[in-house]
Amino acid sequence: MRCAVVLCIVLSLVLGSGAPSAGAAGRQTALEVFRLLPSTIFDSTLEALNEGDKQLLLDLGRSKSWRLRLVHDDDLLVESNLSGSLVRVCLFHGPDTTVAAVGSESLGNSGLELWRCDSIGRITPEPLPPEPAVADFFTETLVLSKEVTVSMRFKLSGSVLRVIPEFWDQNGPVTLYPDKALFYRWNRGGFEKVVLPLSALQ
């Protein structure tokens, strides 16, 4: 937990905060957006959530398996009472749009969804930013064998979207050590790619 807190502080200092200041007049809040989101945003967690339990969360702040742990204008965190799974809703505002990043953490696995919200209460899925090239994570050219495949995992980290490359072969995970970190930072209407040396985050 200490490492995660330090990382978030460093990201805020190095990248700046892409999220807007809370409390801007006329903007939807994270709780209002959470009300619109489908309960399927919990499907990647151990406990999941049905619509009835979601309504209990909204009415009482807790259900049998979940509780609202943090509620701010642009940030909402839901925590499992059982396993410690987390679901977080973070809002990013532009001049004429709001995008909700929904991050989940459960049993060491993480997931990320984006949803676009309009001013009349409609919410639609939004594609994630483009997957970066493997070369973005390494200073020197990386040559992978044909047996190794790469997948990119997106996760919500502070007020940015972090992308983590994962390498696999027929026997399972392959350990490689990138020397760069890659993020997508909100910039008043869209996400822009930022690449930093890992040494900047240590």
Protein backbone atom coordinates (compact mmCIF):
# COMPACT_ATOMS: atom_id res chain seq x y z
CA MET A 1 0.00 0.00 0.00
CA ARG A 2 2.86 2.40 0.85
CA CYS A 3 4.43 1.82 -2.59
CA ALA A 4 1.10 2.52 -4.30
CA VAL A 5 0.70 5.80 -2.40
CA VAL A 6 4.25 6.88 -3.29
CA LEU A 7 3.66 6.01 -6.95
CA CYS A 8 0.49 8.11 -7.08
CA ILE A 9 2.32 11.09 -5.52
CA VAL A 10 5.17 10.80 -8.02
CA LEU A 11 2.76 10.51 -10.94
CA SER A 12 0.95 13.63 -9.81
CA LEU A 13 4.22 15.57 -9.60
CA VAL A 14 5.71 14.30 -12.88
CA LEU A 15 2.62 14.06 -15.07
CA GLY A 16 0.43 16.69 -13.47
CA SER A 17 -3.17 15.98 -12.62
CA GLY A 18 -5.25 15.26 -15.69
CA ALA A 19 -8.44 15.17 -13.65
CA PRO A 20 -10.39 18.41 -13.24
CA SER A 21 -10.83 20.25 -9.99
CA ALA A 22 -13.81 18.99 -8.06
CA GLY A 23 -17.04 20.82 -7.66
CA ALA A 24 -17.34 22.58 -11.01
CA ALA A 25 -20.87 23.83 -11.51
CA GLY A 26 -23.10 21.82 -13.81
CA ARG A 27 -20.82 18.79 -14.06
CA GLN A 28 -21.98 15.28 -13.29
CA THR A 29 -20.51 13.80 -10.14
CA ALA A 30 -18.92 10.38 -9.82
CA LEU A 31 -21.92 9.19 -7.79
CA GLU A 32 -24.35 10.34 -10.48
CA VAL A 33 -22.32 8.56 -13.14
CA PHE A 34 -22.06 5.43 -10.99
CA ARG A 35 -25.87 5.40 -10.84
CA LEU A 36 -25.97 5.25 -14.66
CA LEU A 37 -23.28 2.60 -15.09
CA PRO A 38 -24.36 -1.04 -15.51
CA SER A 39 -23.61 -3.49 -12.72
CA THR A 40 -21.46 -5.42 -15.23
CA ILE A 41 -18.55 -3.13 -14.29
CA PHE A 42 -18.19 -5.51 -11.30
CA ASP A 43 -18.07 -8.66 -13.44
CA SER A 44 -14.27 -8.92 -13.32
CA THR A 45 -14.28 -8.99 -9.49
CA LEU A 46 -14.66 -12.07 -7.31
CA GLU A 47 -18.02 -11.02 -5.84
CA ALA A 48 -19.63 -9.32 -8.87
CA LEU A 49 -22.78 -7.26 -8.22
CA ASN A 50 -26.42 -7.42 -9.25
CA GLU A 51 -28.74 -4.46 -9.81
CA GLY A 52 -30.51 -4.99 -6.48
CA ASP A 53 -27.25 -4.80 -4.52
CA LYS A 54 -26.20 -1.81 -6.56
CA GLN A 55 -29.38 0.00 -5.50
CA LEU A 56 -28.59 -0.82 -1.86
CA LEU A 57 -25.16 0.73 -2.37
CA LEU A 58 -26.76 3.89 -3.71
CA ASP A 59 -29.44 4.05 -1.00
CA LEU A 60 -27.48 2.94 2.07
CA GLY A 61 -23.83 3.18 1.10
CA ARG A 62 -23.35 -0.57 1.49
CA SER A 63 -24.73 -3.93 0.39
CA LYS A 64 -24.07 -7.49 1.54
CA SER A 65 -20.72 -7.65 -0.26
CA TRP A 66 -19.74 -4.04 -1.03
CA ARG A 67 -19.46 -0.62 0.58
CA LEU A 68 -18.85 2.92 -0.66
CA ARG A 69 -15.44 3.73 0.81
CA LEU A 70 -14.75 7.07 -0.82
CA VAL A 71 -17.07 9.53 -2.54
CA HIS A 72 -15.82 12.81 -4.02
CA ASP A 73 -17.21 14.88 -6.87
CA ASP A 74 -14.94 13.29 -9.48
CA ASP A 75 -13.85 10.11 -7.72
CA LEU A 76 -15.70 7.19 -6.18
CA LEU A 77 -14.32 4.00 -4.66
CA VAL A 78 -16.28 0.84 -3.86
CA GLU A 79 -14.64 -1.84 -1.73
CA SER A 80 -15.60 -5.45 -1.14
CA ASN A 81 -16.44 -6.43 2.44
CA LEU A 82 -15.13 -9.93 1.76
CA SER A 83 -12.03 -10.04 -0.46
CA GLY A 84 -10.76 -6.46 -0.63
CA SER A 85 -11.68 -6.14 -4.32
CA LEU A 86 -11.98 -2.54 -5.48
CA VAL A 87 -13.95 -0.75 -8.17
CA ARG A 88 -13.15 2.92 -8.78
CA VAL A 89 -14.91 5.52 -10.93
CA CYS A 90 -12.81 8.52 -11.92
CA LEU A 91 -14.23 11.35 -14.05
CA PHE A 92 -12.35 13.32 -16.68
CA HIS A 93 -14.06 16.48 -17.96
CA GLY A 94 -13.61 18.30 -21.23
CA PRO A 95 -15.27 21.42 -22.64
CA ASP A 96 -18.28 19.44 -23.90
CA THR A 97 -17.83 15.89 -22.65
CA THR A 98 -17.20 13.74 -19.59
CA VAL A 99 -15.41 10.39 -19.69
CA ALA A 100 -15.59 7.95 -16.78
CA ALA A 101 -12.68 5.60 -16.24
CA VAL A 102 -13.78 2.51 -14.32
CA GLY A 103 -10.92 0.55 -12.82
CA SER A 104 -11.23 -2.76 -10.99
CA GLU A 105 -8.77 -4.66 -8.79
CA SER A 106 -9.49 -8.21 -7.64
CA LEU A 107 -7.14 -11.00 -6.51
CA GLY A 108 -4.15 -9.33 -8.13
CA ASN A 109 -5.92 -8.76 -11.45
CA SER A 110 -6.92 -5.36 -12.79
CA GLY A 111 -9.30 -4.16 -15.47
CA LEU A 112 -10.26 -0.87 -17.06
CA GLU A 113 -13.31 0.39 -18.94
CA LEU A 114 -14.10 3.84 -20.33
CA TRP A 115 -17.61 5.29 -20.59
CA ARG A 116 -18.68 8.57 -22.20
CA CYS A 117 -21.41 10.59 -20.48
CA ASP A 118 -23.52 13.30 -22.10
CA SER A 119 -25.40 16.17 -20.52
CA ILE A 120 -28.82 14.46 -20.69
CA GLY A 121 -27.87 11.35 -18.76
CA ARG A 122 -26.89 8.97 -21.55
CA ILE A 123 -23.81 6.80 -21.09
CA THR A 124 -22.07 4.74 -23.77
CA PRO A 125 -18.95 2.55 -23.85
CA GLU A 126 -15.82 4.30 -25.05
CA PRO A 127 -12.82 2.49 -26.58
CA LEU A 128 -9.55 2.47 -24.69
CA PRO A 129 -6.66 4.48 -26.16
CA PRO A 130 -4.58 2.68 -28.82
CA GLU A 131 -2.28 -0.05 -27.59
CA PRO A 132 1.31 1.23 -27.63
CA ALA A 133 4.15 -0.51 -29.41
CA VAL A 134 6.41 -2.81 -27.40
CA ALA A 135 9.35 -0.59 -28.38
CA ASP A 136 7.85 2.26 -26.33
CA PHE A 137 8.82 0.42 -23.13
CA PHE A 138 12.49 -0.25 -23.92
CA THR A 139 15.47 2.02 -24.52
CA GLU A 140 17.19 -0.56 -26.71
CA THR A 141 15.59 -2.53 -29.51
CA LEU A 142 13.85 -5.63 -28.15
CA VAL A 143 13.88 -8.76 -30.30
CA LEU A 144 11.26 -11.32 -29.23
CA SER A 145 11.25 -14.92 -30.31
CA LYS A 146 8.32 -16.06 -32.41
CA GLU A 147 7.00 -18.07 -29.47
CA VAL A 148 6.51 -14.99 -27.30
CA THR A 149 3.28 -13.01 -27.50
CA VAL A 150 2.56 -9.62 -25.96
CA SER A 151 -0.61 -8.22 -24.40
CA MET A 152 -1.16 -4.74 -23.02
CA ARG A 153 -2.96 -4.36 -19.69
CA PHE A 154 -4.59 -1.00 -18.95
CA LYS A 155 -5.20 0.06 -15.36
CA LEU A 156 -6.36 3.19 -13.56
CA SER A 157 -3.44 4.65 -11.58
CA GLY A 158 -4.12 7.88 -9.75
CA SER A 159 -5.44 10.30 -12.36
CA VAL A 160 -3.82 8.59 -15.36
CA LEU A 161 -4.27 5.37 -17.32
CA ARG A 162 -1.20 3.17 -17.05
CA VAL A 163 -0.32 0.53 -19.66
CA ILE A 164 1.66 -2.53 -18.59
CA PRO A 165 3.08 -4.96 -21.17
CA GLU A 166 2.75 -8.65 -20.39
CA PHE A 167 4.74 -11.35 -22.19
CA TRP A 168 3.72 -14.99 -22.65
CA ASP A 169 4.90 -18.17 -24.30
CA GLN A 170 3.51 -21.70 -24.40
CA ASN A 171 4.73 -22.32 -20.84
CA GLY A 172 3.16 -19.24 -19.28
CA PRO A 173 4.35 -15.73 -18.33
CA VAL A 174 7.76 -14.60 -19.59
CA THR A 175 9.73 -12.19 -17.38
CA LEU A 176 11.14 -9.14 -19.16
CA TYR A 177 12.09 -5.85 -17.55
CA PRO A 178 10.99 -2.67 -19.37
CA ASP A 179 12.99 0.47 -18.56
CA LYS A 180 10.19 2.89 -19.46
CA ALA A 181 6.67 3.42 -18.13
CA LEU A 182 3.79 4.48 -20.36
CA PHE A 183 0.66 6.40 -19.37
CA TYR A 184 -2.29 8.12 -21.00
CA ARG A 185 -2.98 11.51 -19.44
CA TRP A 186 -6.24 13.43 -19.88
CA ASN A 187 -5.82 16.68 -21.77
CA ARG A 188 -9.09 18.63 -21.84
CA GLY A 189 -11.01 16.37 -24.18
CA GLY A 190 -8.85 13.33 -24.88
CA PHE A 191 -6.03 11.13 -23.63
CA GLU A 192 -2.46 11.79 -24.71
CA LYS A 193 0.42 9.33 -24.43
CA VAL A 194 3.27 10.04 -22.01
CA VAL A 195 6.42 7.88 -21.78
CA LEU A 196 8.76 8.21 -18.80
CA PRO A 197 11.92 6.38 -17.71
CA LEU A 198 11.17 4.08 -14.81
CA SER A 199 13.88 5.86 -12.86
CA ALA A 200 11.61 8.93 -12.72
CA LEU A 201 9.07 6.92 -10.69
CA GLN A 202 11.52 5.53 -8.14
